[in-house]
Protein backbone atom coordinates (compact mmCIF):
# COMPACT_ATOMS: atom_id res chain seq x y z
CA MET A 1 68.20 165.04 98.30
CA VAL A 2 70.31 166.35 101.14
CA SER A 3 73.96 167.23 100.86
CA MET A 4 76.71 168.42 103.12
CA VAL A 5 77.82 172.03 103.07
CA SER A 6 81.28 173.34 103.82
CA GLU A 7 81.83 176.21 106.21
CA GLU A 8 82.29 178.50 103.20
CA GLU A 9 79.02 177.29 101.62
CA LEU A 10 77.28 177.81 104.95
CA ARG A 11 78.58 181.40 105.08
CA GLU A 12 77.27 181.97 101.55
CA PHE A 13 73.88 180.47 102.47
CA LEU A 14 73.59 182.59 105.62
CA GLY A 15 74.66 185.68 103.69
CA LYS A 16 71.79 185.10 101.26
CA VAL A 17 68.99 184.21 103.68
CA VAL A 18 69.63 186.22 106.85
CA ILE A 19 67.63 189.44 106.78
CA PRO A 20 68.90 191.82 109.48
CA GLY A 21 66.11 192.50 111.94
CA SER A 22 63.80 189.88 110.38
CA THR A 23 65.51 186.56 111.09
CA ALA A 24 64.83 184.14 113.93
CA VAL A 25 67.37 181.47 114.84
CA VAL A 26 65.83 178.78 117.02
CA GLY A 27 67.77 175.98 118.67
CA ILE A 28 65.80 172.88 119.59
CA GLY A 29 66.67 169.64 121.30
CA ASN A 30 67.16 167.97 124.64
CA GLU A 31 70.49 168.68 126.27
CA LEU A 32 70.01 165.64 128.53
CA ARG A 33 70.29 163.32 125.50
CA CYS A 34 73.87 163.88 124.40
CA ASP A 35 73.98 165.13 120.77
CA ASP A 36 70.27 165.96 120.83
CA GLY A 37 71.42 169.07 122.70
CA PHE A 38 73.17 170.35 119.54
CA GLY A 39 70.56 173.01 118.72
CA VAL A 40 70.24 174.18 122.32
CA TYR A 41 74.00 174.53 122.85
CA LEU A 42 74.40 176.24 119.49
CA ALA A 43 71.60 178.74 120.20
CA ARG A 44 73.12 179.60 123.58
CA SER A 45 76.55 180.13 122.00
CA LEU A 46 75.10 182.39 119.32
CA SER A 47 73.04 184.34 121.84
CA ASN A 48 76.11 184.96 123.99
CA LEU A 49 78.14 186.10 120.99
CA LEU A 50 75.41 188.44 119.79
CA ALA A 51 75.24 190.01 123.24
CA ARG A 52 79.02 190.34 123.37
CA TYR A 53 79.24 192.05 120.00
CA SER A 54 76.01 194.09 120.34
CA ARG A 55 74.41 192.34 117.37
CA ARG A 56 71.06 191.39 118.95
CA THR A 57 69.22 193.56 116.43
CA CYS A 58 70.57 191.45 113.54
CA VAL A 59 68.82 188.22 114.49
CA VAL A 60 66.67 186.93 117.31
CA VAL A 61 68.14 183.79 118.86
CA VAL A 62 65.97 181.48 120.95
CA ASP A 63 66.69 178.31 122.89
CA ALA A 64 63.36 176.50 122.44
CA GLY A 65 64.42 173.26 124.11
CA THR A 66 61.88 170.59 123.18
CA SER A 67 58.98 173.01 122.66
CA LEU A 68 59.31 174.56 119.22
CA GLU A 69 55.54 175.12 119.07
CA SER A 70 55.83 177.51 122.03
CA TYR A 71 57.75 179.92 119.79
CA LEU A 72 55.37 180.10 116.83
CA ASP A 73 54.89 183.83 117.44
CA ILE A 74 58.63 184.44 116.99
CA LEU A 75 58.80 182.19 113.92
CA ASN A 76 55.84 183.98 112.35
CA THR A 77 57.11 187.47 113.17
CA ALA A 78 60.34 186.76 111.30
CA LYS A 79 60.63 186.69 107.51
CA VAL A 80 63.26 183.93 107.78
CA SER A 81 63.42 181.23 110.45
CA ILE A 82 66.48 179.04 110.88
CA ILE A 83 66.08 176.01 113.13
CA LEU A 84 69.18 174.44 114.63
CA ASP A 85 68.82 170.72 115.29
CA THR A 86 70.22 167.27 114.68
CA VAL A 87 69.00 165.49 111.56
CA GLU A 88 68.97 161.88 110.37
CA ALA A 89 70.67 162.74 107.12
CA PRO A 90 72.91 160.29 105.27
CA VAL A 91 76.08 162.23 106.09
CA PRO A 92 78.97 161.64 108.49
CA ALA A 93 78.67 163.09 111.97
CA SER A 94 80.06 166.63 112.25
CA GLU A 95 79.19 167.35 108.63
CA ILE A 96 76.74 170.21 108.30
CA VAL A 97 73.55 170.05 106.27
CA VAL A 98 71.03 172.72 105.35
CA LEU A 99 67.43 171.67 104.75
CA ASP A 100 64.61 173.75 103.36
CA ARG A 101 60.97 173.47 104.43
CA HIS A 102 60.25 170.56 102.06
CA ASP A 103 63.17 168.38 103.20
CA ILE A 104 62.74 168.89 106.93
CA PRO A 105 60.17 166.11 107.58
CA LYS A 106 62.24 163.58 105.60
CA TYR A 107 65.34 163.93 107.77
CA SER A 108 64.00 165.00 111.14
CA THR A 109 65.10 163.26 114.31
CA THR A 110 64.35 165.53 117.18
CA LEU A 111 62.43 167.83 114.88
CA SER A 112 59.29 166.76 116.60
CA THR A 113 57.93 167.92 119.88
CA HIS A 114 56.00 166.15 122.57
CA THR A 115 52.76 167.93 121.79
CA MET A 116 52.78 168.64 118.04
CA GLY A 117 54.22 166.84 115.03
CA MET A 118 56.77 168.70 112.91
CA ASP A 119 54.43 168.72 109.88
CA LEU A 120 51.81 170.57 111.94
CA VAL A 121 54.36 173.04 113.33
CA LEU A 122 55.70 173.74 109.83
CA SER A 123 52.19 174.28 108.50
CA LEU A 124 51.70 177.02 111.11
CA VAL A 125 54.89 178.90 110.21
CA GLU A 126 54.53 181.53 107.52
CA SER A 127 58.17 182.58 107.24
CA SER A 128 60.79 180.98 105.03
CA ILE A 129 62.12 178.14 107.14
CA TYR A 130 65.40 176.23 107.05
CA VAL A 131 67.23 173.78 109.27
CA ILE A 132 70.95 173.82 109.87
CA GLY A 133 71.96 170.54 111.40
CA THR A 134 74.29 167.63 111.75
CA ARG A 135 73.78 163.91 112.29
CA PRO A 136 73.93 162.83 115.93
CA VAL A 137 76.42 160.22 117.07
CA CYS A 138 74.86 159.62 120.48
CA LEU A 139 71.30 160.08 121.74
CA ASP A 140 71.85 158.35 125.08
CA VAL A 141 70.92 160.00 128.35
CA LYS A 142 74.11 161.99 128.87
CA ILE A 143 74.90 165.67 129.23
CA GLY A 144 77.18 167.20 126.60
CA VAL A 145 77.73 166.54 122.92
CA THR A 146 80.26 164.24 121.28
CA LYS A 147 83.45 165.62 119.73
CA PRO A 148 82.18 165.36 116.13
CA VAL A 149 79.01 167.32 116.98
CA ALA A 150 81.06 169.87 118.97
CA ARG A 151 83.14 170.43 115.80
CA ALA A 152 79.95 171.08 113.82
CA ILE A 153 78.85 173.61 116.45
CA GLN A 154 82.19 175.41 116.15
CA LYS A 155 81.95 175.56 112.36
CA ILE A 156 78.41 176.93 112.45
CA VAL A 157 79.27 179.55 115.08
CA LYS A 158 82.23 180.69 112.94
CA ALA A 159 79.99 180.97 109.87
CA PHE A 160 77.39 183.04 111.76
CA ILE A 161 80.10 185.32 113.20
CA TYR A 162 81.55 185.90 109.76
CA VAL A 163 78.17 186.78 108.22
CA LEU A 164 77.00 188.97 111.09
CA LYS A 165 80.27 190.91 111.15
CA HIS A 166 79.67 191.87 107.54
CA MET A 167 76.04 192.96 107.98
CA GLU A 168 74.69 196.38 108.72
CA CYS A 169 72.82 195.91 111.98
């Protein structure tokens, strides 16, 4: 069963699972398909913030686009991998969900790549793996995310900033 998490619950989750120096955050999606770009835009925002606040040693952030399998080495080097992507969860758009390894295939939308199925990718990842996502409103060919998905991005960025500010990195 999947459930929504508040920004506070997301901060608590991140505070528990992020291991400084051993966490990979990987955004996936296609920015040419409206809300499917959620993970990509979020990864870029986090990467820019980490660079700005000199926190790159806390977590590795990657924009994997539509090729998650190309980053298996990063996922397997980390002890914890957090994938950022849209999910087909039974929640309102802009609400945030956190999935663990076992729930990911049930609610995946773009959690599949053109060359490998998500089940195969997950079977090749040895680290603890989670997805932080939101339900897409629009998957049309269009650049930019909808307002509800943009709100989810803002909430997730704020949660990451809060947690990383309080970590020794």
